[in-house]
Amino acid sequence: MPSFSSPRRRRSRFSPVTRQVLLYLFFLLPAALDIAQGMAGTLGPNPTSVCLHDFGRYAFRFLLASMVISPLKRFVGVDLMLYRRPLGLLAFTYAALHVFFYVVVARHLDTHILWQDFTTRPFLTFGVITFLILAALAATSTRRAIRALGRKWVPLHRLAYLAMLLATVHYTIAFKTWHVEPFLYGAVALFVLALRLVPKPPRRSVR
């Protein structure tokens, strides 16, 4: 007799951890593609600049995506909480690549130039603080860290909203000329932050 797997068994083919890992690895493909094209010389005349800006934009996008998870569940009823952690880790990973390409590839670890940039370009201050927050959130995203921090974990991870606000400022003032895209991302970020101020609807009592 042929055996048929139940719907429950088919749904559990990939464990939650496996789905998180697959999501994380899949969305690293843009970074791998940029680096591969840069090494092949097909990313334009200034591949470092392209990678630097692409990684920064992806960091902002994934940070925004991770912040949208809670409002989606609260207001729309779509539960994607399983994917909030890998989206946050993707934001940190792309932010780390963004910083690496700036410090190592673009500035060649020249401390004099880096200090001059940091003291004359205010947007770098916002970027550095954002990266430090994302690093702290990534380092405390494991179950062991959650158990160790206890009640302190929730207020710590609310710093993600501050990181998003700082990233918005960093992205908006990073350009010397007018760019519409940073303001569009900033508008979405402010909208997501504003949703935090919407009071929760009262629970209906079950009779």
Protein backbone atom coordinates (compact mmCIF):
# COMPACT_ATOMS: atom_id res chain seq x y z
CA MET A 1 0.00 0.00 0.00
CA PRO A 2 1.38 3.45 -0.87
CA SER A 3 1.90 5.68 2.12
CA PHE A 4 0.72 9.26 2.03
CA SER A 5 2.23 11.85 4.34
CA SER A 6 -0.20 13.90 6.34
CA PRO A 7 -0.54 17.68 5.78
CA ARG A 8 1.02 18.25 9.19
CA ARG A 9 4.09 16.22 8.20
CA ARG A 10 4.42 18.05 4.89
CA ARG A 11 4.23 21.40 6.64
CA SER A 12 7.01 20.40 9.04
CA ARG A 13 9.43 19.27 6.34
CA PHE A 14 11.60 22.33 7.06
CA SER A 15 12.07 23.22 10.70
CA PRO A 16 11.74 26.86 11.79
CA VAL A 17 15.51 27.14 12.20
CA THR A 18 16.07 25.73 8.71
CA ARG A 19 13.66 28.25 7.22
CA GLN A 20 15.43 31.07 9.02
CA VAL A 21 18.81 29.92 7.73
CA LEU A 22 17.51 29.51 4.18
CA LEU A 23 16.02 33.00 4.23
CA TYR A 24 19.28 34.46 5.53
CA LEU A 25 21.42 32.68 2.94
CA PHE A 26 19.06 33.51 0.07
CA PHE A 27 19.20 37.24 0.75
CA LEU A 28 22.99 37.19 0.90
CA LEU A 29 22.96 36.55 -2.84
CA PRO A 30 22.88 40.27 -3.77
CA ALA A 31 26.10 40.79 -1.80
CA ALA A 32 27.75 37.79 -3.44
CA LEU A 33 26.64 39.03 -6.86
CA ASP A 34 27.98 42.54 -6.28
CA ILE A 35 31.34 41.23 -5.08
CA ALA A 36 31.60 38.75 -7.97
CA GLN A 37 30.78 41.45 -10.54
CA GLY A 38 33.26 43.81 -8.90
CA MET A 39 36.03 41.21 -9.08
CA ALA A 40 35.10 40.49 -12.71
CA GLY A 41 35.24 44.18 -13.60
CA THR A 42 31.60 44.36 -14.72
CA LEU A 43 30.32 46.68 -12.00
CA GLY A 44 31.29 49.95 -13.68
CA PRO A 45 34.26 52.27 -13.32
CA ASN A 46 34.00 52.48 -9.51
CA PRO A 47 32.95 49.07 -8.15
CA THR A 48 33.92 49.98 -4.58
CA SER A 49 31.46 52.86 -4.55
CA VAL A 50 28.72 50.68 -6.03
CA CYS A 51 29.24 47.95 -3.44
CA LEU A 52 29.49 50.49 -0.63
CA HIS A 53 26.18 52.14 -1.49
CA ASP A 54 24.39 48.88 -2.35
CA PHE A 55 25.33 47.31 0.97
CA GLY A 56 24.18 50.40 2.85
CA ARG A 57 20.82 50.39 1.08
CA TYR A 58 20.32 46.68 1.71
CA ALA A 59 21.13 47.17 5.40
CA PHE A 60 18.46 49.86 5.60
CA ARG A 61 15.94 47.75 3.67
CA PHE A 62 16.35 44.70 5.87
CA LEU A 63 16.20 46.83 9.01
CA LEU A 64 12.93 48.30 7.76
CA ALA A 65 11.65 44.83 6.86
CA SER A 66 12.40 43.54 10.36
CA MET A 67 10.55 46.50 11.87
CA VAL A 68 7.48 45.88 9.71
CA ILE A 69 6.99 42.35 11.07
CA SER A 70 5.26 43.43 14.30
CA PRO A 71 2.83 45.91 12.66
CA LEU A 72 1.90 43.28 10.09
CA LYS A 73 0.92 40.87 12.84
CA ARG A 74 -0.82 43.52 14.91
CA PHE A 75 -2.83 45.34 12.25
CA VAL A 76 -3.13 42.85 9.38
CA GLY A 77 -2.96 39.52 11.18
CA VAL A 78 -0.04 38.24 9.10
CA ASP A 79 2.35 36.37 11.40
CA LEU A 80 5.92 36.47 10.08
CA MET A 81 7.59 36.71 13.49
CA LEU A 82 9.70 33.66 12.66
CA TYR A 83 11.60 35.72 10.10
CA ARG A 84 12.26 38.83 12.17
CA ARG A 85 15.55 37.50 13.57
CA PRO A 86 17.12 36.57 10.19
CA LEU A 87 15.98 39.91 8.74
CA GLY A 88 17.65 41.72 11.62
CA LEU A 89 20.81 39.66 11.14
CA LEU A 90 20.74 40.50 7.43
CA ALA A 91 20.55 44.19 8.32
CA PHE A 92 23.63 43.79 10.53
CA THR A 93 25.49 41.71 7.94
CA TYR A 94 24.97 44.26 5.19
CA ALA A 95 25.84 47.08 7.59
CA ALA A 96 29.07 45.23 8.45
CA LEU A 97 29.86 44.86 4.74
CA HIS A 98 29.08 48.56 4.27
CA VAL A 99 31.51 49.49 7.04
CA PHE A 100 34.15 47.02 5.81
CA PHE A 101 34.11 48.39 2.27
CA TYR A 102 34.37 51.94 3.57
CA VAL A 103 37.14 51.37 6.13
CA VAL A 104 39.21 48.67 4.39
CA VAL A 105 38.53 48.86 0.65
CA ALA A 106 37.82 52.57 0.15
CA ARG A 107 40.06 54.06 2.86
CA HIS A 108 42.67 51.25 3.11
CA LEU A 109 42.66 51.40 6.93
CA ASP A 110 44.27 54.84 6.79
CA THR A 111 43.53 56.16 10.29
CA HIS A 112 44.41 59.75 9.32
CA ILE A 113 41.88 59.83 6.49
CA LEU A 114 39.29 57.99 8.58
CA TRP A 115 39.63 60.47 11.43
CA GLN A 116 39.44 63.39 9.03
CA ASP A 117 36.29 61.94 7.48
CA PHE A 118 34.73 61.28 10.87
CA THR A 119 35.37 64.82 12.13
CA THR A 120 34.25 66.61 8.96
CA ARG A 121 31.31 64.48 7.78
CA PRO A 122 28.48 64.43 10.35
CA PHE A 123 26.59 61.63 8.61
CA LEU A 124 29.38 59.21 9.59
CA THR A 125 28.58 59.76 13.27
CA PHE A 126 25.01 58.63 12.74
CA GLY A 127 26.25 55.66 10.73
CA VAL A 128 28.73 54.52 13.37
CA ILE A 129 26.16 54.70 16.17
CA THR A 130 23.67 52.79 14.02
CA PHE A 131 26.23 50.07 13.34
CA LEU A 132 27.13 49.74 17.03
CA ILE A 133 23.46 49.31 17.92
CA LEU A 134 22.97 46.69 15.21
CA ALA A 135 26.08 44.87 16.41
CA ALA A 136 24.74 44.79 19.97
CA LEU A 137 21.37 43.52 18.77
CA ALA A 138 22.97 40.83 16.62
CA ALA A 139 25.19 39.69 19.48
CA THR A 140 22.18 39.30 21.79
CA SER A 141 19.80 37.66 19.31
CA THR A 142 20.52 34.09 20.40
CA ARG A 143 18.34 32.12 22.80
CA ARG A 144 21.21 31.97 25.29
CA ALA A 145 21.46 35.76 25.28
CA ILE A 146 17.70 36.10 25.69
CA ARG A 147 17.79 33.83 28.76
CA ALA A 148 20.84 35.61 30.18
CA LEU A 149 19.39 39.12 29.78
CA GLY A 150 15.92 38.21 30.99
CA ARG A 151 13.69 41.26 31.22
CA LYS A 152 16.49 43.52 29.97
CA TRP A 153 16.35 41.90 26.52
CA VAL A 154 13.13 43.61 25.39
CA PRO A 155 14.18 47.22 26.16
CA LEU A 156 17.59 46.52 24.64
CA HIS A 157 16.09 45.34 21.37
CA ARG A 158 13.79 48.33 21.24
CA LEU A 159 16.96 50.20 20.31
CA ALA A 160 16.27 48.86 16.82
CA TYR A 161 13.82 51.75 16.41
CA LEU A 162 16.55 54.21 17.38
CA ALA A 163 18.87 52.50 14.90
CA MET A 164 16.29 52.93 12.17
CA LEU A 165 15.90 56.62 12.99
CA LEU A 166 19.68 57.16 13.00
CA ALA A 167 20.02 55.20 9.76
CA THR A 168 17.40 57.47 8.20
CA VAL A 169 19.40 60.56 9.13
CA HIS A 170 22.66 58.93 7.99
CA TYR A 171 21.19 58.01 4.59
CA THR A 172 19.45 61.36 4.09
CA ILE A 173 22.46 63.61 4.67
CA ALA A 174 25.11 61.31 3.14
CA PHE A 175 24.76 62.81 -0.35
CA LYS A 176 26.08 66.17 -1.46
CA THR A 177 23.35 66.48 -4.09
CA TRP A 178 19.59 65.99 -3.99
CA HIS A 179 18.41 62.37 -3.96
CA VAL A 180 14.76 61.38 -3.61
CA GLU A 181 15.38 57.78 -2.51
CA PRO A 182 16.66 58.55 1.03
CA PHE A 183 13.55 60.62 1.75
CA LEU A 184 11.29 57.81 0.52
CA TYR A 185 13.01 55.35 2.86
CA GLY A 186 12.83 57.95 5.61
CA ALA A 187 9.08 58.37 5.10
CA VAL A 188 8.55 54.61 5.39
CA ALA A 189 10.73 54.49 8.52
CA LEU A 190 8.79 57.32 10.17
CA PHE A 191 5.51 55.63 9.28
CA VAL A 192 6.64 52.39 10.91
CA LEU A 193 7.76 54.32 14.00
CA ALA A 194 4.44 56.17 14.12
CA LEU A 195 2.59 52.86 14.22
CA ARG A 196 4.16 52.30 17.64
CA LEU A 197 2.09 55.22 18.94
CA VAL A 198 -1.23 53.73 17.82
CA PRO A 199 -2.98 52.36 20.93
CA LYS A 200 -3.83 48.70 20.99
CA PRO A 201 -7.54 47.95 20.52
CA PRO A 202 -9.25 46.72 23.69
CA ARG A 203 -9.65 42.99 23.96
CA ARG A 204 -13.18 41.73 23.66
CA SER A 205 -14.36 39.79 26.61
CA VAL A 206 -15.50 36.25 25.88
CA ARG A 207 -18.94 35.52 27.35
